[in-house]
Amino acid sequence: MLEISRLGHAYAGRHVLSVESFSLAPGRHALLLGPSGSGKSTLLNLVAGILTAQSGSIVVDGTDIAQLSPRAADAWRARNVGLLPQQLALVPSLPVFENIVLPAYAAGGTPDLPRVRELIGALGLTDLARSKPQDLSQGQRQRVAMARALYTRPRLLLADEPTANLDDDNCARLVALLLAQAAAAGASLLVASHDVRVVQALTGAKVLRLPAPGGYA
């Protein structure tokens, strides 16, 4: 599902990320660990095709994403990758329902209404479908962002610090939902986190540990 080789990336000439080799099989889970500044968010954005690797390769389900044009990368990501970012990036002016179906428009399609109903039911959002993000709790906004990430039944699901700012109960619920929904979609799951609660919940997952900038992982 995911193959990374000799990956390197820098911002403004400052080295921020190196991964010598990493692979993740279809349907398997992995934890992306490392200190602040080690490049966890950068790596997720590279895998999602939001950023383009400056060296090395990232192959997702047989597609070398570095070879895609920006427009092709956007369409590919909308079809194949679900991203739950640390900054949820919900559109304030749109209700829950419309936020969830945004990937349909990015992929050049039309909303799959049965899929939306399935997700909002599974994630406990049915009564909130017409609510705006600012009217929701942090945990509810997290679930909306998760529904959007899962909407296209992605083969690869990426989550960046998904439990940030959540109490223990909401953390446990979100991780359980993330695992259950990934299993239901048959998706591989890569979670970047420094939250010990997430690490404990994903016991047995493969681990990619990023060092502080300066060496290969």
Protein backbone atom coordinates (compact mmCIF):
# COMPACT_ATOMS: atom_id res chain seq x y z
CA MET A 1 0.00 0.00 0.00
CA LEU A 2 2.71 2.50 1.02
CA GLU A 3 6.38 2.37 0.07
CA ILE A 4 8.83 5.14 1.06
CA SER A 5 12.45 5.12 -0.06
CA ARG A 6 15.32 7.55 0.54
CA LEU A 7 12.92 10.37 1.27
CA GLY A 8 14.28 13.81 2.07
CA HIS A 9 12.66 17.21 2.47
CA ALA A 10 13.70 20.70 3.56
CA TYR A 11 12.14 24.12 4.05
CA ALA A 12 14.09 27.20 2.96
CA GLY A 13 17.26 25.11 2.90
CA ARG A 14 16.69 23.77 6.42
CA HIS A 15 16.62 19.98 6.53
CA VAL A 16 13.45 18.77 8.27
CA LEU A 17 12.84 15.17 7.25
CA SER A 18 14.68 12.02 6.17
CA VAL A 19 13.25 8.52 5.89
CA GLU A 20 15.52 5.81 4.50
CA SER A 21 12.87 3.13 4.02
CA PHE A 22 9.35 2.34 5.23
CA SER A 23 6.50 0.18 4.01
CA LEU A 24 2.93 -0.41 5.13
CA ALA A 25 0.86 -3.33 3.88
CA PRO A 26 -2.81 -2.98 2.83
CA GLY A 27 -5.17 -2.88 5.78
CA ARG A 28 -2.37 -2.53 8.35
CA HIS A 29 -1.82 0.23 10.91
CA ALA A 30 1.28 2.26 11.74
CA LEU A 31 2.27 4.89 14.26
CA LEU A 32 4.37 7.87 13.22
CA LEU A 33 6.30 9.00 16.29
CA GLY A 34 8.92 11.65 16.97
CA PRO A 35 9.61 14.89 18.83
CA SER A 36 8.20 18.24 17.79
CA GLY A 37 10.01 19.44 14.69
CA SER A 38 10.90 15.95 13.49
CA GLY A 39 8.66 16.27 10.43
CA LYS A 40 5.60 14.17 11.25
CA SER A 41 3.11 16.58 9.69
CA THR A 42 5.45 17.16 6.75
CA LEU A 43 5.63 13.42 6.09
CA LEU A 44 1.84 13.06 6.14
CA ASN A 45 1.51 15.96 3.70
CA LEU A 46 4.10 14.34 1.43
CA VAL A 47 2.30 10.99 1.52
CA ALA A 48 -1.00 12.75 0.79
CA GLY A 49 0.50 14.51 -2.23
CA ILE A 50 -0.05 17.96 -0.74
CA LEU A 51 3.72 18.53 -0.78
CA THR A 52 6.14 17.15 -3.38
CA ALA A 53 9.17 15.26 -2.13
CA GLN A 54 12.48 16.93 -2.93
CA SER A 55 14.31 13.60 -3.02
CA GLY A 56 13.42 9.92 -2.83
CA SER A 57 10.09 8.32 -3.66
CA ILE A 58 6.64 7.72 -2.20
CA VAL A 59 4.52 5.04 -3.86
CA VAL A 60 0.90 4.62 -2.72
CA ASP A 61 -0.99 1.60 -4.05
CA GLY A 62 1.28 1.48 -7.08
CA THR A 63 1.17 5.22 -7.85
CA ASP A 64 4.39 7.23 -7.67
CA ILE A 65 2.82 10.45 -6.45
CA ALA A 66 5.88 12.57 -7.25
CA GLN A 67 5.10 11.99 -10.94
CA LEU A 68 1.63 13.54 -10.71
CA SER A 69 0.88 17.11 -11.76
CA PRO A 70 -0.66 19.32 -9.06
CA ARG A 71 -4.14 18.93 -10.56
CA ALA A 72 -3.72 15.16 -10.95
CA ALA A 73 -2.41 14.93 -7.39
CA ASP A 74 -5.51 16.72 -6.06
CA ALA A 75 -7.84 14.35 -7.91
CA TRP A 76 -5.78 11.30 -6.90
CA ARG A 77 -5.80 12.35 -3.23
CA ALA A 78 -9.56 12.93 -3.26
CA ARG A 79 -10.11 9.38 -4.53
CA ASN A 80 -7.46 7.45 -2.61
CA VAL A 81 -6.38 9.21 0.59
CA GLY A 82 -8.34 10.30 3.63
CA LEU A 83 -6.57 12.96 5.68
CA LEU A 84 -7.56 13.93 9.22
CA PRO A 85 -5.35 17.00 9.79
CA GLN A 86 -4.35 18.45 13.14
CA GLN A 87 -5.94 21.74 12.08
CA LEU A 88 -9.33 20.37 11.02
CA ALA A 89 -9.86 22.94 8.23
CA LEU A 90 -13.64 22.73 8.29
CA VAL A 91 -15.31 25.45 6.20
CA PRO A 92 -17.10 27.73 8.72
CA SER A 93 -19.81 28.82 6.29
CA LEU A 94 -20.85 25.26 5.40
CA PRO A 95 -22.97 22.91 7.52
CA VAL A 96 -21.72 19.47 8.58
CA PHE A 97 -23.30 17.76 5.58
CA GLU A 98 -21.57 20.02 3.05
CA ASN A 99 -18.22 19.81 4.82
CA ILE A 100 -18.33 16.03 4.58
CA VAL A 101 -19.00 15.94 0.82
CA LEU A 102 -16.19 18.35 -0.13
CA PRO A 103 -13.99 15.45 -1.40
CA ALA A 104 -16.70 14.60 -3.94
CA TYR A 105 -16.28 17.99 -5.57
CA ALA A 106 -12.47 17.74 -5.37
CA ALA A 107 -12.66 14.43 -7.25
CA GLY A 108 -14.95 15.91 -9.87
CA GLY A 109 -18.00 13.91 -8.80
CA THR A 110 -21.36 14.46 -7.19
CA PRO A 111 -22.27 13.77 -3.54
CA ASP A 112 -23.03 10.17 -2.60
CA LEU A 113 -25.98 10.79 -0.30
CA PRO A 114 -26.29 7.22 1.04
CA ARG A 115 -22.59 7.32 1.96
CA VAL A 116 -23.05 10.61 3.83
CA ARG A 117 -26.03 9.22 5.75
CA GLU A 118 -24.02 6.10 6.58
CA LEU A 119 -21.14 8.13 7.98
CA ILE A 120 -23.13 10.65 9.98
CA GLY A 121 -25.07 7.77 11.51
CA ALA A 122 -21.96 5.78 12.37
CA LEU A 123 -20.27 8.83 13.88
CA GLY A 124 -23.27 10.11 15.81
CA LEU A 125 -23.74 13.23 13.68
CA THR A 126 -27.27 12.70 12.34
CA ASP A 127 -28.85 15.44 14.46
CA LEU A 128 -26.02 17.83 13.56
CA ALA A 129 -26.05 17.50 9.78
CA ARG A 130 -27.21 21.10 9.27
CA SER A 131 -25.16 22.63 12.10
CA LYS A 132 -22.19 24.88 11.37
CA PRO A 133 -18.72 23.99 12.71
CA GLN A 134 -18.72 26.88 15.20
CA ASP A 135 -21.81 25.40 16.86
CA LEU A 136 -20.08 22.07 17.58
CA SER A 137 -17.84 20.86 20.37
CA GLN A 138 -14.22 19.97 19.64
CA GLY A 139 -15.04 16.27 19.72
CA GLN A 140 -17.94 16.77 17.29
CA ARG A 141 -15.73 18.76 14.91
CA GLN A 142 -13.17 15.94 15.05
CA ARG A 143 -15.89 13.49 14.01
CA VAL A 144 -16.96 15.71 11.12
CA ALA A 145 -13.37 15.87 9.90
CA MET A 146 -13.14 12.08 10.25
CA ALA A 147 -16.32 11.61 8.23
CA ARG A 148 -14.88 13.84 5.49
CA ALA A 149 -11.62 11.83 5.51
CA LEU A 150 -13.55 8.55 5.21
CA TYR A 151 -16.15 9.74 2.70
CA THR A 152 -14.49 8.35 -0.44
CA ARG A 153 -13.63 4.99 1.19
CA PRO A 154 -9.89 5.75 0.88
CA ARG A 155 -7.31 3.00 0.63
CA LEU A 156 -4.99 5.01 2.90
CA LEU A 157 -6.11 6.98 5.96
CA LEU A 158 -3.76 9.54 7.52
CA ALA A 159 -4.35 11.17 10.91
CA ASP A 160 -2.21 14.00 12.31
CA GLU A 161 -2.37 14.27 16.11
CA PRO A 162 -6.08 13.30 16.05
CA THR A 163 -6.51 13.43 19.83
CA ALA A 164 -4.99 16.85 20.43
CA ASN A 165 -7.03 18.82 22.98
CA LEU A 166 -9.37 15.89 23.73
CA ASP A 167 -10.08 14.60 27.22
CA ASP A 168 -9.64 10.91 28.02
CA ASP A 169 -13.22 9.89 27.20
CA ASN A 170 -13.31 11.68 23.85
CA CYS A 171 -9.81 10.44 23.04
CA ALA A 172 -10.88 6.83 23.60
CA ARG A 173 -14.04 7.32 21.53
CA LEU A 174 -12.21 8.94 18.64
CA VAL A 175 -9.48 6.28 18.47
CA ALA A 176 -12.10 3.51 18.60
CA LEU A 177 -14.06 5.18 15.81
CA LEU A 178 -10.92 5.70 13.73
CA LEU A 179 -9.96 2.04 14.02
CA ALA A 180 -13.49 0.81 13.37
CA GLN A 181 -14.00 3.01 10.32
CA ALA A 182 -10.57 2.13 8.89
CA ALA A 183 -11.42 -1.56 9.30
CA ALA A 184 -14.83 -1.08 7.68
CA ALA A 185 -13.21 0.62 4.67
CA GLY A 186 -10.31 -1.86 4.52
CA ALA A 187 -7.96 1.12 4.73
CA SER A 188 -4.35 1.24 5.85
CA LEU A 189 -3.93 3.69 8.71
CA LEU A 190 -0.95 5.93 9.50
CA VAL A 191 -1.32 8.00 12.69
CA ALA A 192 1.12 10.72 13.73
CA SER A 193 0.95 11.27 17.48
CA HIS A 194 2.93 11.95 20.61
CA ASP A 195 -0.11 11.09 22.77
CA VAL A 196 0.68 8.09 24.98
CA ARG A 197 -3.03 7.20 24.98
CA VAL A 198 -2.93 6.71 21.20
CA VAL A 199 0.30 4.72 21.40
CA GLN A 200 -1.25 2.41 23.96
CA ALA A 201 -4.44 2.01 21.92
CA LEU A 202 -2.45 1.03 18.83
CA THR A 203 -0.32 -1.62 20.50
CA GLY A 204 0.93 -3.95 17.79
CA ALA A 205 0.93 -1.32 15.06
CA LYS A 206 4.06 -0.86 12.99
CA VAL A 207 6.17 2.11 14.14
CA LEU A 208 8.03 4.72 12.12
CA ARG A 209 10.01 6.84 14.55
CA LEU A 210 11.40 10.11 13.25
CA PRO A 211 14.49 11.57 14.94
CA ALA A 212 15.19 15.23 15.42
CA PRO A 213 16.32 16.70 12.08
CA GLY A 214 19.73 15.55 10.94
CA GLY A 215 19.63 11.80 10.35
CA TYR A 216 17.77 9.12 8.48
CA ALA A 217 14.84 7.32 10.15
